[in-house]
């Protein structure tokens, strides 16, 4: 650092490096954490470490800003995956968006000094609420939610032995091909 006079300080080029660019995930996590903090302050609530009801209220609050049409039970399009026309059903947050939000807030809580054991974003009531949202949205769309099955991994020994899915040459010869 070079000091010129008493008031002006000029930094060398090595000291003027901008902070590293955050990844999209890190930016979203920071934004979500700040939004949750603003929500608590604006609602006049004090942060209680073990109070997952604040988290549930926050999720319900965010629900009004969603972009996913979720048909109510009285709607003629309820249970139809591709409705034929418009309706007055509300726009809600998609289940996947809420699930991702909770995951980011869960990580942000622990990064900001919270203990994993007291993390309100990891509370069982939150998981139950998300499951109910997922199931209700699936019913409204007429598409049952199915958990993706994991693909079975082939053993390394299968590759070592040269096991393939193609029939051997002898089977081609015996069939007259």
N, C-alpha and C. Protein backbone atom coordinates (compact mmCIF):
# COMPACT_ATOMS: atom_id res chain seq x y z
N UNK A 1 0.84 -1.16 0.00
CA UNK A 1 0.00 0.00 0.00
C UNK A 1 0.90 1.24 0.00
N UNK A 2 0.53 2.18 -0.83
CA UNK A 2 1.31 3.41 -0.94
C UNK A 2 0.48 4.55 -0.37
N UNK A 3 1.03 5.29 0.57
CA UNK A 3 0.33 6.43 1.14
C UNK A 3 0.88 7.71 0.53
N UNK A 4 -0.01 8.54 0.02
CA UNK A 4 0.37 9.82 -0.56
C UNK A 4 -0.28 10.89 0.30
N UNK A 5 0.53 11.69 0.97
CA UNK A 5 -0.03 12.69 1.88
C UNK A 5 -0.67 12.02 3.07
N UNK A 6 -1.52 12.75 3.75
CA UNK A 6 -2.16 12.20 4.94
C UNK A 6 -3.53 11.60 4.65
N UNK A 7 -4.21 12.05 3.60
CA UNK A 7 -5.60 11.65 3.39
C UNK A 7 -5.79 10.64 2.26
N UNK A 8 -4.97 10.64 1.27
CA UNK A 8 -5.17 9.81 0.08
C UNK A 8 -4.37 8.52 0.22
N UNK A 9 -5.04 7.39 0.00
CA UNK A 9 -4.37 6.10 0.02
C UNK A 9 -4.60 5.43 -1.32
N UNK A 10 -3.55 5.01 -1.97
CA UNK A 10 -3.65 4.31 -3.24
C UNK A 10 -3.25 2.87 -3.01
N UNK A 11 -4.11 1.97 -3.45
CA UNK A 11 -3.82 0.54 -3.28
C UNK A 11 -3.08 0.02 -4.50
N UNK A 12 -2.18 -0.91 -4.25
CA UNK A 12 -1.46 -1.53 -5.35
C UNK A 12 -2.41 -2.46 -6.11
N UNK A 13 -2.09 -2.82 -7.36
CA UNK A 13 -2.98 -3.67 -8.16
C UNK A 13 -3.29 -5.02 -7.49
N UNK A 14 -2.36 -5.55 -6.71
CA UNK A 14 -2.60 -6.84 -6.05
C UNK A 14 -3.72 -6.74 -5.02
N UNK A 15 -3.90 -5.56 -4.43
CA UNK A 15 -4.90 -5.38 -3.39
C UNK A 15 -6.26 -4.97 -3.95
N UNK A 16 -6.36 -4.67 -5.23
CA UNK A 16 -7.60 -4.20 -5.82
C UNK A 16 -8.40 -5.30 -6.48
N UNK A 17 -8.10 -6.53 -6.21
CA UNK A 17 -8.82 -7.64 -6.84
C UNK A 17 -10.25 -7.69 -6.32
N UNK A 18 -11.22 -7.84 -7.22
CA UNK A 18 -12.61 -7.93 -6.78
C UNK A 18 -12.84 -9.26 -6.05
N UNK A 19 -13.85 -9.31 -5.20
CA UNK A 19 -14.13 -10.57 -4.51
C UNK A 19 -14.52 -11.64 -5.54
N UNK A 20 -14.26 -12.90 -5.23
CA UNK A 20 -14.58 -13.96 -6.20
C UNK A 20 -16.09 -14.01 -6.47
N UNK A 21 -16.43 -14.33 -7.70
CA UNK A 21 -17.82 -14.42 -8.12
C UNK A 21 -18.47 -15.63 -7.46
N UNK A 22 -19.65 -15.43 -6.84
CA UNK A 22 -20.35 -16.53 -6.20
C UNK A 22 -21.03 -17.39 -7.25
N UNK A 23 -21.16 -18.67 -6.96
CA UNK A 23 -21.88 -19.56 -7.87
C UNK A 23 -23.37 -19.21 -7.80
N UNK A 24 -24.12 -19.70 -8.74
CA UNK A 24 -25.56 -19.44 -8.76
C UNK A 24 -26.21 -19.95 -7.48
N UNK A 25 -25.82 -21.16 -7.07
CA UNK A 25 -26.36 -21.75 -5.85
C UNK A 25 -26.04 -20.88 -4.63
N UNK A 26 -24.79 -20.43 -4.51
CA UNK A 26 -24.39 -19.61 -3.37
C UNK A 26 -25.13 -18.28 -3.37
N UNK A 27 -25.34 -17.70 -4.55
CA UNK A 27 -26.09 -16.44 -4.65
C UNK A 27 -27.53 -16.64 -4.22
N UNK A 28 -28.14 -17.73 -4.69
CA UNK A 28 -29.53 -18.02 -4.30
C UNK A 28 -29.63 -18.26 -2.81
N UNK A 29 -28.67 -19.00 -2.27
CA UNK A 29 -28.68 -19.31 -0.84
C UNK A 29 -28.60 -18.02 -0.02
N UNK A 30 -27.71 -17.13 -0.40
CA UNK A 30 -27.57 -15.85 0.30
C UNK A 30 -28.85 -15.04 0.18
N UNK A 31 -29.40 -14.97 -1.03
CA UNK A 31 -30.63 -14.21 -1.25
C UNK A 31 -31.79 -14.78 -0.43
N UNK A 32 -31.92 -16.11 -0.41
CA UNK A 32 -32.99 -16.75 0.37
C UNK A 32 -32.83 -16.49 1.86
N UNK A 33 -31.59 -16.57 2.35
CA UNK A 33 -31.33 -16.32 3.77
C UNK A 33 -31.68 -14.88 4.14
N UNK A 34 -31.30 -13.94 3.27
CA UNK A 34 -31.63 -12.53 3.52
C UNK A 34 -33.13 -12.29 3.46
N UNK A 35 -33.81 -12.94 2.52
CA UNK A 35 -35.26 -12.81 2.40
C UNK A 35 -35.96 -13.33 3.65
N UNK A 36 -35.49 -14.46 4.16
CA UNK A 36 -36.07 -15.02 5.39
C UNK A 36 -35.84 -14.05 6.56
N UNK A 37 -34.66 -13.47 6.65
CA UNK A 37 -34.38 -12.49 7.70
C UNK A 37 -35.28 -11.27 7.60
N UNK A 38 -35.49 -10.77 6.37
CA UNK A 38 -36.39 -9.63 6.16
C UNK A 38 -37.82 -10.00 6.57
N UNK A 39 -38.23 -11.22 6.21
CA UNK A 39 -39.58 -11.67 6.57
C UNK A 39 -39.76 -11.66 8.08
N UNK A 40 -38.78 -12.19 8.80
CA UNK A 40 -38.88 -12.21 10.26
C UNK A 40 -38.93 -10.79 10.84
N UNK A 41 -38.07 -9.91 10.34
CA UNK A 41 -38.05 -8.53 10.85
C UNK A 41 -39.36 -7.81 10.53
N UNK A 42 -39.84 -7.95 9.31
CA UNK A 42 -41.05 -7.24 8.89
C UNK A 42 -42.31 -7.78 9.56
N UNK A 43 -42.28 -9.04 9.96
CA UNK A 43 -43.45 -9.61 10.62
C UNK A 43 -43.40 -9.40 12.14
N UNK A 44 -42.33 -8.75 12.60
CA UNK A 44 -42.21 -8.44 14.02
C UNK A 44 -41.87 -9.64 14.88
N UNK A 45 -41.30 -10.65 14.28
CA UNK A 45 -40.96 -11.87 15.02
C UNK A 45 -39.49 -11.86 15.38
N UNK A 46 -39.19 -12.46 16.48
CA UNK A 46 -37.80 -12.65 16.88
C UNK A 46 -37.43 -14.07 16.51
N UNK A 47 -36.21 -14.24 16.09
CA UNK A 47 -35.74 -15.55 15.65
C UNK A 47 -35.61 -16.49 16.83
N UNK A 48 -36.40 -17.56 16.81
CA UNK A 48 -36.27 -18.62 17.80
C UNK A 48 -35.71 -19.84 17.10
N UNK A 49 -34.60 -20.34 17.57
CA UNK A 49 -33.88 -21.39 16.88
C UNK A 49 -34.72 -22.62 16.58
N UNK A 50 -35.59 -22.97 17.48
CA UNK A 50 -36.30 -24.24 17.30
C UNK A 50 -37.73 -24.04 16.82
N UNK A 51 -38.06 -22.89 16.30
CA UNK A 51 -39.44 -22.62 15.94
C UNK A 51 -39.66 -22.82 14.45
N UNK A 52 -40.05 -24.02 14.09
CA UNK A 52 -40.27 -24.30 12.67
C UNK A 52 -41.56 -23.68 12.19
N UNK A 53 -42.45 -23.22 13.11
CA UNK A 53 -43.68 -22.58 12.65
C UNK A 53 -43.36 -21.29 11.89
N UNK A 54 -42.25 -20.62 12.22
CA UNK A 54 -41.84 -19.44 11.46
C UNK A 54 -41.47 -19.84 10.03
N UNK A 55 -40.85 -20.98 9.91
CA UNK A 55 -40.46 -21.47 8.58
C UNK A 55 -41.71 -21.81 7.78
N UNK A 56 -42.66 -22.50 8.41
CA UNK A 56 -43.91 -22.84 7.71
C UNK A 56 -44.67 -21.59 7.30
N UNK A 57 -44.72 -20.59 8.18
CA UNK A 57 -45.39 -19.33 7.84
C UNK A 57 -44.69 -18.64 6.68
N UNK A 58 -43.37 -18.70 6.65
CA UNK A 58 -42.59 -18.11 5.57
C UNK A 58 -42.90 -18.81 4.24
N UNK A 59 -42.98 -20.13 4.26
CA UNK A 59 -43.29 -20.88 3.04
C UNK A 59 -44.69 -20.51 2.55
N UNK A 60 -45.63 -20.43 3.47
CA UNK A 60 -47.01 -20.06 3.09
C UNK A 60 -47.06 -18.64 2.54
N UNK A 61 -46.26 -17.76 3.12
CA UNK A 61 -46.18 -16.39 2.63
C UNK A 61 -45.65 -16.37 1.19
N UNK A 62 -44.59 -17.12 0.93
CA UNK A 62 -44.01 -17.15 -0.41
C UNK A 62 -44.94 -17.80 -1.43
N UNK A 63 -45.84 -18.64 -0.95
CA UNK A 63 -46.74 -19.37 -1.84
C UNK A 63 -47.56 -18.42 -2.71
N UNK A 64 -47.89 -17.26 -2.20
CA UNK A 64 -48.72 -16.32 -2.96
C UNK A 64 -47.99 -15.73 -4.16
N UNK A 65 -46.68 -15.87 -4.22
CA UNK A 65 -45.90 -15.32 -5.33
C UNK A 65 -45.52 -16.38 -6.36
N UNK A 66 -46.13 -17.55 -6.28
CA UNK A 66 -45.78 -18.64 -7.18
C UNK A 66 -46.26 -18.42 -8.60
N UNK A 67 -45.78 -19.27 -9.49
CA UNK A 67 -46.11 -19.17 -10.91
C UNK A 67 -46.74 -20.44 -11.44
N UNK A 68 -47.04 -21.39 -10.55
CA UNK A 68 -47.57 -22.69 -10.98
C UNK A 68 -49.06 -22.75 -10.69
N UNK A 69 -49.86 -23.00 -11.71
CA UNK A 69 -51.31 -23.12 -11.55
C UNK A 69 -51.61 -24.43 -10.84
N UNK A 70 -52.28 -24.33 -9.69
CA UNK A 70 -52.66 -25.51 -8.92
C UNK A 70 -54.18 -25.49 -8.81
N UNK A 71 -54.83 -26.45 -9.48
CA UNK A 71 -56.29 -26.49 -9.52
C UNK A 71 -56.85 -26.92 -8.17
N UNK A 72 -57.92 -26.24 -7.76
CA UNK A 72 -58.61 -26.59 -6.52
C UNK A 72 -59.60 -27.70 -6.83
N UNK A 73 -60.09 -28.38 -5.79
CA UNK A 73 -60.94 -29.55 -6.02
C UNK A 73 -62.22 -29.24 -6.77
N UNK A 74 -62.78 -28.05 -6.65
CA UNK A 74 -64.01 -27.72 -7.35
C UNK A 74 -63.82 -27.34 -8.81
N UNK A 75 -62.61 -27.20 -9.25
CA UNK A 75 -62.30 -26.78 -10.62
C UNK A 75 -62.58 -27.93 -11.60
N UNK A 76 -63.12 -27.57 -12.79
CA UNK A 76 -63.40 -28.60 -13.80
C UNK A 76 -62.12 -29.24 -14.34
N UNK A 77 -60.99 -28.56 -14.17
CA UNK A 77 -59.73 -29.09 -14.66
C UNK A 77 -58.94 -29.84 -13.59
N UNK A 78 -59.51 -29.99 -12.40
CA UNK A 78 -58.81 -30.69 -11.33
C UNK A 78 -58.52 -32.13 -11.76
N UNK A 79 -57.28 -32.53 -11.64
CA UNK A 79 -56.87 -33.88 -11.99
C UNK A 79 -56.53 -34.08 -13.45
N UNK A 80 -56.58 -33.03 -14.25
CA UNK A 80 -56.25 -33.14 -15.67
C UNK A 80 -54.82 -32.61 -15.89
N UNK A 81 -53.97 -33.43 -16.47
CA UNK A 81 -52.58 -33.00 -16.68
C UNK A 81 -52.45 -31.82 -17.64
N UNK A 82 -53.31 -31.75 -18.65
CA UNK A 82 -53.24 -30.66 -19.63
C UNK A 82 -54.63 -30.06 -19.78
N UNK A 83 -54.96 -29.03 -18.98
CA UNK A 83 -56.29 -28.43 -19.05
C UNK A 83 -56.56 -27.80 -20.41
N UNK A 84 -57.84 -27.84 -20.82
CA UNK A 84 -58.23 -27.35 -22.14
C UNK A 84 -58.37 -25.83 -22.20
N UNK A 85 -58.51 -25.19 -21.07
CA UNK A 85 -58.71 -23.74 -21.09
C UNK A 85 -58.29 -23.09 -19.79
N UNK A 86 -58.49 -21.77 -19.71
CA UNK A 86 -58.10 -21.05 -18.50
C UNK A 86 -59.10 -21.27 -17.36
N UNK A 87 -58.63 -21.03 -16.16
CA UNK A 87 -59.50 -21.11 -14.98
C UNK A 87 -59.01 -20.10 -13.95
N UNK A 88 -59.76 -19.95 -12.89
CA UNK A 88 -59.42 -18.94 -11.87
C UNK A 88 -58.67 -19.53 -10.68
N UNK A 89 -58.12 -20.71 -10.84
CA UNK A 89 -57.38 -21.34 -9.74
C UNK A 89 -56.12 -20.53 -9.43
N UNK A 90 -55.67 -20.59 -8.18
CA UNK A 90 -54.53 -19.76 -7.77
C UNK A 90 -53.20 -20.25 -8.33
N UNK A 91 -52.27 -19.31 -8.40
CA UNK A 91 -50.89 -19.64 -8.74
C UNK A 91 -50.15 -19.88 -7.43
N UNK A 92 -49.39 -20.94 -7.39
CA UNK A 92 -48.68 -21.32 -6.17
C UNK A 92 -47.22 -21.60 -6.49
N UNK A 93 -46.43 -21.74 -5.43
CA UNK A 93 -45.04 -22.18 -5.59
C UNK A 93 -45.05 -23.66 -5.92
N UNK A 94 -44.28 -24.07 -6.88
CA UNK A 94 -44.16 -25.48 -7.22
C UNK A 94 -43.45 -26.21 -6.08
N UNK A 95 -43.82 -27.47 -5.89
CA UNK A 95 -43.23 -28.26 -4.81
C UNK A 95 -41.71 -28.31 -4.93
N UNK A 96 -41.20 -28.51 -6.12
CA UNK A 96 -39.76 -28.60 -6.31
C UNK A 96 -39.03 -27.32 -5.91
N UNK A 97 -39.67 -26.18 -6.17
CA UNK A 97 -39.07 -24.90 -5.78
C UNK A 97 -39.01 -24.76 -4.27
N UNK A 98 -40.08 -25.17 -3.60
CA UNK A 98 -40.10 -25.11 -2.13
C UNK A 98 -39.07 -26.05 -1.53
N UNK A 99 -38.96 -27.23 -2.11
CA UNK A 99 -38.00 -28.21 -1.61
C UNK A 99 -36.57 -27.68 -1.75
N UNK A 100 -36.28 -27.08 -2.90
CA UNK A 100 -34.94 -26.52 -3.12
C UNK A 100 -34.68 -25.34 -2.18
N UNK A 101 -35.70 -24.51 -1.97
CA UNK A 101 -35.57 -23.38 -1.05
C UNK A 101 -35.23 -23.85 0.36
N UNK A 102 -35.94 -24.85 0.84
CA UNK A 102 -35.69 -25.37 2.19
C UNK A 102 -34.27 -25.95 2.26
N UNK A 103 -33.84 -26.62 1.22
CA UNK A 103 -32.48 -27.16 1.20
C UNK A 103 -31.43 -26.06 1.31
N UNK A 104 -31.64 -24.97 0.58
CA UNK A 104 -30.68 -23.85 0.64
C UNK A 104 -30.71 -23.17 2.00
N UNK A 105 -31.91 -22.99 2.57
CA UNK A 105 -32.01 -22.35 3.88
C UNK A 105 -31.43 -23.24 4.98
N UNK A 106 -31.59 -24.53 4.80
CA UNK A 106 -31.02 -25.48 5.77
C UNK A 106 -29.49 -25.34 5.80
N UNK A 107 -28.89 -25.26 4.63
CA UNK A 107 -27.44 -25.10 4.54
C UNK A 107 -27.01 -23.72 5.06
N UNK A 108 -27.77 -22.68 4.72
CA UNK A 108 -27.43 -21.32 5.14
C UNK A 108 -27.51 -21.19 6.66
N UNK A 109 -28.47 -21.85 7.27
CA UNK A 109 -28.62 -21.79 8.73
C UNK A 109 -27.35 -22.29 9.41
N UNK A 110 -26.85 -23.41 8.94
CA UNK A 110 -25.66 -23.99 9.55
C UNK A 110 -24.40 -23.18 9.22
N UNK A 111 -24.35 -22.60 8.03
CA UNK A 111 -23.20 -21.76 7.67
C UNK A 111 -23.17 -20.46 8.46
N UNK A 112 -24.32 -20.04 8.95
CA UNK A 112 -24.40 -18.81 9.73
C UNK A 112 -24.38 -19.07 11.23
N UNK A 113 -23.83 -20.20 11.62
CA UNK A 113 -23.60 -20.46 13.04
C UNK A 113 -24.62 -21.31 13.75
N UNK A 114 -25.65 -21.76 13.06
CA UNK A 114 -26.66 -22.60 13.69
C UNK A 114 -26.19 -24.04 13.78
N UNK A 115 -26.61 -24.71 14.84
CA UNK A 115 -26.23 -26.12 15.01
C UNK A 115 -27.17 -27.01 14.21
N UNK A 116 -26.64 -28.07 13.65
CA UNK A 116 -27.44 -28.99 12.84
C UNK A 116 -28.59 -29.59 13.66
N UNK A 117 -28.36 -29.81 14.96
CA UNK A 117 -29.38 -30.43 15.81
C UNK A 117 -30.57 -29.51 16.04
N UNK A 118 -30.37 -28.20 15.94
CA UNK A 118 -31.46 -27.25 16.19
C UNK A 118 -31.94 -26.58 14.91
N UNK A 119 -31.58 -27.10 13.76
CA UNK A 119 -31.93 -26.48 12.49
C UNK A 119 -33.44 -26.60 12.25
N UNK A 120 -34.18 -25.47 12.27
CA UNK A 120 -35.63 -25.55 12.07
C UNK A 120 -36.01 -25.94 10.65
N UNK A 121 -35.10 -25.75 9.70
CA UNK A 121 -35.38 -26.10 8.31
C UNK A 121 -35.27 -27.61 8.09
N UNK A 122 -34.70 -28.32 9.05
CA UNK A 122 -34.58 -29.77 8.98
C UNK A 122 -35.63 -30.46 9.84
N UNK A 123 -36.54 -29.70 10.40
CA UNK A 123 -37.56 -30.23 11.29
C UNK A 123 -38.50 -31.17 10.54
N UNK A 124 -38.98 -32.19 11.22
CA UNK A 124 -39.89 -33.16 10.61
C UNK A 124 -41.18 -32.53 10.11
N UNK A 125 -41.66 -31.49 10.79
CA UNK A 125 -42.90 -30.82 10.37
C UNK A 125 -42.73 -30.19 8.99
N UNK A 126 -41.53 -29.73 8.69
CA UNK A 126 -41.26 -29.14 7.37
C UNK A 126 -41.33 -30.22 6.30
N UNK A 127 -40.74 -31.38 6.58
CA UNK A 127 -40.77 -32.49 5.62
C UNK A 127 -42.20 -32.96 5.38
N UNK A 128 -43.00 -33.02 6.45
CA UNK A 128 -44.41 -33.43 6.32
C UNK A 128 -45.16 -32.42 5.46
N UNK A 129 -44.94 -31.13 5.71
CA UNK A 129 -45.61 -30.10 4.93
C UNK A 129 -45.23 -30.21 3.45
N UNK A 130 -43.95 -30.38 3.17
CA UNK A 130 -43.51 -30.50 1.77
C UNK A 130 -44.11 -31.73 1.10
N UNK A 131 -44.21 -32.83 1.84
CA UNK A 131 -44.82 -34.04 1.29
C UNK A 131 -46.29 -33.79 0.95
N UNK A 132 -47.01 -33.09 1.84
CA UNK A 132 -48.41 -32.78 1.58
C UNK A 132 -48.57 -31.88 0.36
N UNK A 133 -47.70 -30.91 0.22
CA UNK A 133 -47.73 -30.02 -0.95
C UNK A 133 -47.48 -30.83 -2.22
N UNK A 134 -46.49 -31.70 -2.18
CA UNK A 134 -46.16 -32.52 -3.35
C UNK A 134 -47.36 -33.38 -3.75
N UNK A 135 -47.98 -34.03 -2.78
CA UNK A 135 -49.10 -34.92 -3.07
C UNK A 135 -50.32 -34.14 -3.57
N UNK A 136 -50.61 -33.00 -2.96
CA UNK A 136 -51.78 -32.22 -3.39
C UNK A 136 -51.58 -31.66 -4.79
N UNK A 137 -50.36 -31.23 -5.11
CA UNK A 137 -50.10 -30.72 -6.46
C UNK A 137 -50.15 -31.84 -7.49
N UNK A 138 -49.70 -33.01 -7.12
CA UNK A 138 -49.76 -34.15 -8.04
C UNK A 138 -51.22 -34.52 -8.33
N UNK A 139 -52.06 -34.52 -7.30
CA UNK A 139 -53.49 -34.81 -7.50
C UNK A 139 -54.15 -33.75 -8.37
N UNK A 140 -53.82 -32.50 -8.12
CA UNK A 140 -54.41 -31.40 -8.88
C UNK A 140 -54.04 -31.49 -10.36
N UNK A 141 -52.87 -31.99 -10.66
CA UNK A 141 -52.42 -32.13 -12.05
C UNK A 141 -52.82 -33.46 -12.65
N UNK A 142 -53.26 -34.39 -11.82
CA UNK A 142 -53.63 -35.70 -12.32
C UNK A 142 -52.44 -36.57 -12.63
N UNK A 143 -51.30 -36.20 -12.11
CA UNK A 143 -50.07 -36.96 -12.35
C UNK A 143 -49.55 -37.43 -11.01
N UNK A 144 -49.60 -38.72 -10.75
CA UNK A 144 -49.08 -39.19 -9.45
C UNK A 144 -47.58 -39.00 -9.37
N UNK A 145 -47.13 -38.60 -8.21
CA UNK A 145 -45.69 -38.43 -8.00
C UNK A 145 -45.08 -39.79 -7.77
N UNK A 146 -44.08 -40.11 -8.55
CA UNK A 146 -43.37 -41.38 -8.38
C UNK A 146 -41.92 -41.07 -8.14
N UNK A 147 -41.39 -41.66 -7.11
CA UNK A 147 -39.98 -41.47 -6.80
C UNK A 147 -39.16 -42.16 -7.87
N UNK A 148 -38.13 -41.49 -8.33
CA UNK A 148 -37.27 -42.08 -9.36
C UNK A 148 -36.49 -43.24 -8.78
N UNK A 149 -36.46 -44.32 -9.53
CA UNK A 149 -35.69 -45.49 -9.09
C UNK A 149 -34.24 -45.30 -9.48
N UNK A 150 -33.38 -45.73 -8.60
CA UNK A 150 -31.95 -45.65 -8.89
C UNK A 150 -31.57 -46.77 -9.84
N UNK A 151 -30.72 -46.42 -10.79
CA UNK A 151 -30.23 -47.43 -11.72
C UNK A 151 -29.25 -48.34 -11.01
N UNK A 152 -29.33 -49.62 -11.34
CA UNK A 152 -28.39 -50.57 -10.76
C UNK A 152 -27.05 -50.40 -11.43
N UNK A 153 -26.02 -50.33 -10.62
CA UNK A 153 -24.67 -50.20 -11.16
C UNK A 153 -24.12 -51.58 -11.46
N UNK A 154 -23.44 -51.67 -12.59
CA UNK A 154 -22.79 -52.94 -12.92
C UNK A 154 -21.55 -53.08 -12.09
N UNK A 155 -21.30 -54.28 -11.68
CA UNK A 155 -20.11 -54.56 -10.88
C UNK A 155 -18.87 -54.45 -11.75
N UNK A 156 -17.78 -54.07 -11.15
CA UNK A 156 -16.51 -53.97 -11.87
C UNK A 156 -16.09 -55.34 -12.39
N UNK A 157 -16.48 -56.40 -11.68
CA UNK A 157 -16.10 -57.75 -12.10
C UNK A 157 -16.78 -58.12 -13.42
N UNK A 158 -17.97 -57.54 -13.71
CA UNK A 158 -18.64 -57.80 -14.98
C UNK A 158 -17.81 -57.26 -16.14
N UNK A 159 -17.20 -56.10 -15.95
CA UNK A 159 -16.37 -55.52 -16.99
C UNK A 159 -15.07 -56.29 -17.14
N UNK A 160 -14.51 -56.75 -16.02
CA UNK A 160 -13.24 -57.47 -16.06
C UNK A 160 -13.37 -58.79 -16.79
N UNK A 161 -14.52 -59.44 -16.65
CA UNK A 161 -14.71 -60.75 -17.27
C UNK A 161 -15.14 -60.64 -18.72
N UNK A 162 -15.38 -59.42 -19.18
CA UNK A 162 -15.75 -59.25 -20.58
C UNK A 162 -17.21 -59.59 -20.84
N UNK A 163 -18.05 -59.56 -19.84
CA UNK A 163 -19.46 -59.86 -20.00
C UNK A 163 -20.09 -58.77 -20.84
N UNK A 164 -20.81 -59.16 -21.88
CA UNK A 164 -21.49 -58.19 -22.73
C UNK A 164 -22.93 -58.61 -22.91
N UNK A 165 -23.70 -57.71 -23.47
CA UNK A 165 -25.11 -57.99 -23.72
C UNK A 165 -25.30 -58.63 -25.09
N UNK A 166 -24.28 -58.67 -25.92
CA UNK A 166 -24.37 -59.24 -27.26
C UNK A 166 -24.17 -60.75 -27.19
N UNK A 167 -24.90 -61.50 -28.02
CA UNK A 167 -24.68 -62.94 -28.04
C UNK A 167 -23.31 -63.26 -28.65
N UNK A 168 -22.79 -64.38 -28.28
CA UNK A 168 -21.47 -64.77 -28.79
C UNK A 168 -21.59 -65.21 -30.24
N UNK A 169 -20.44 -65.32 -30.93
CA UNK A 169 -20.42 -65.74 -32.33
C UNK A 169 -20.99 -67.13 -32.51
N UNK A 170 -20.81 -68.00 -31.53
CA UNK A 170 -21.28 -69.38 -31.68
C UNK A 170 -22.80 -69.42 -31.78
N UNK A 171 -23.51 -68.50 -31.14
CA UNK A 171 -24.96 -68.53 -31.24
C UNK A 171 -25.41 -68.07 -32.62
N UNK A 172 -24.65 -67.18 -33.28
CA UNK A 172 -24.99 -66.77 -34.63
C UNK A 172 -24.74 -67.93 -35.60
N UNK A 173 -23.65 -68.66 -35.39
CA UNK A 173 -23.31 -69.74 -36.30
C UNK A 173 -24.31 -70.88 -36.20
N UNK A 174 -24.78 -71.18 -34.99
CA UNK A 174 -25.69 -72.31 -34.84
C UNK A 174 -27.07 -72.00 -35.38
N UNK A 175 -27.42 -70.71 -35.49
CA UNK A 175 -28.75 -70.39 -35.99
C UNK A 175 -28.76 -70.25 -37.50
N UNK A 176 -27.61 -70.34 -38.12
CA UNK A 176 -27.53 -70.27 -39.57
C UNK A 176 -27.46 -68.86 -40.11
N UNK A 177 -27.13 -67.92 -39.29
CA UNK A 177 -27.05 -66.53 -39.75
C UNK A 177 -25.69 -66.23 -40.31
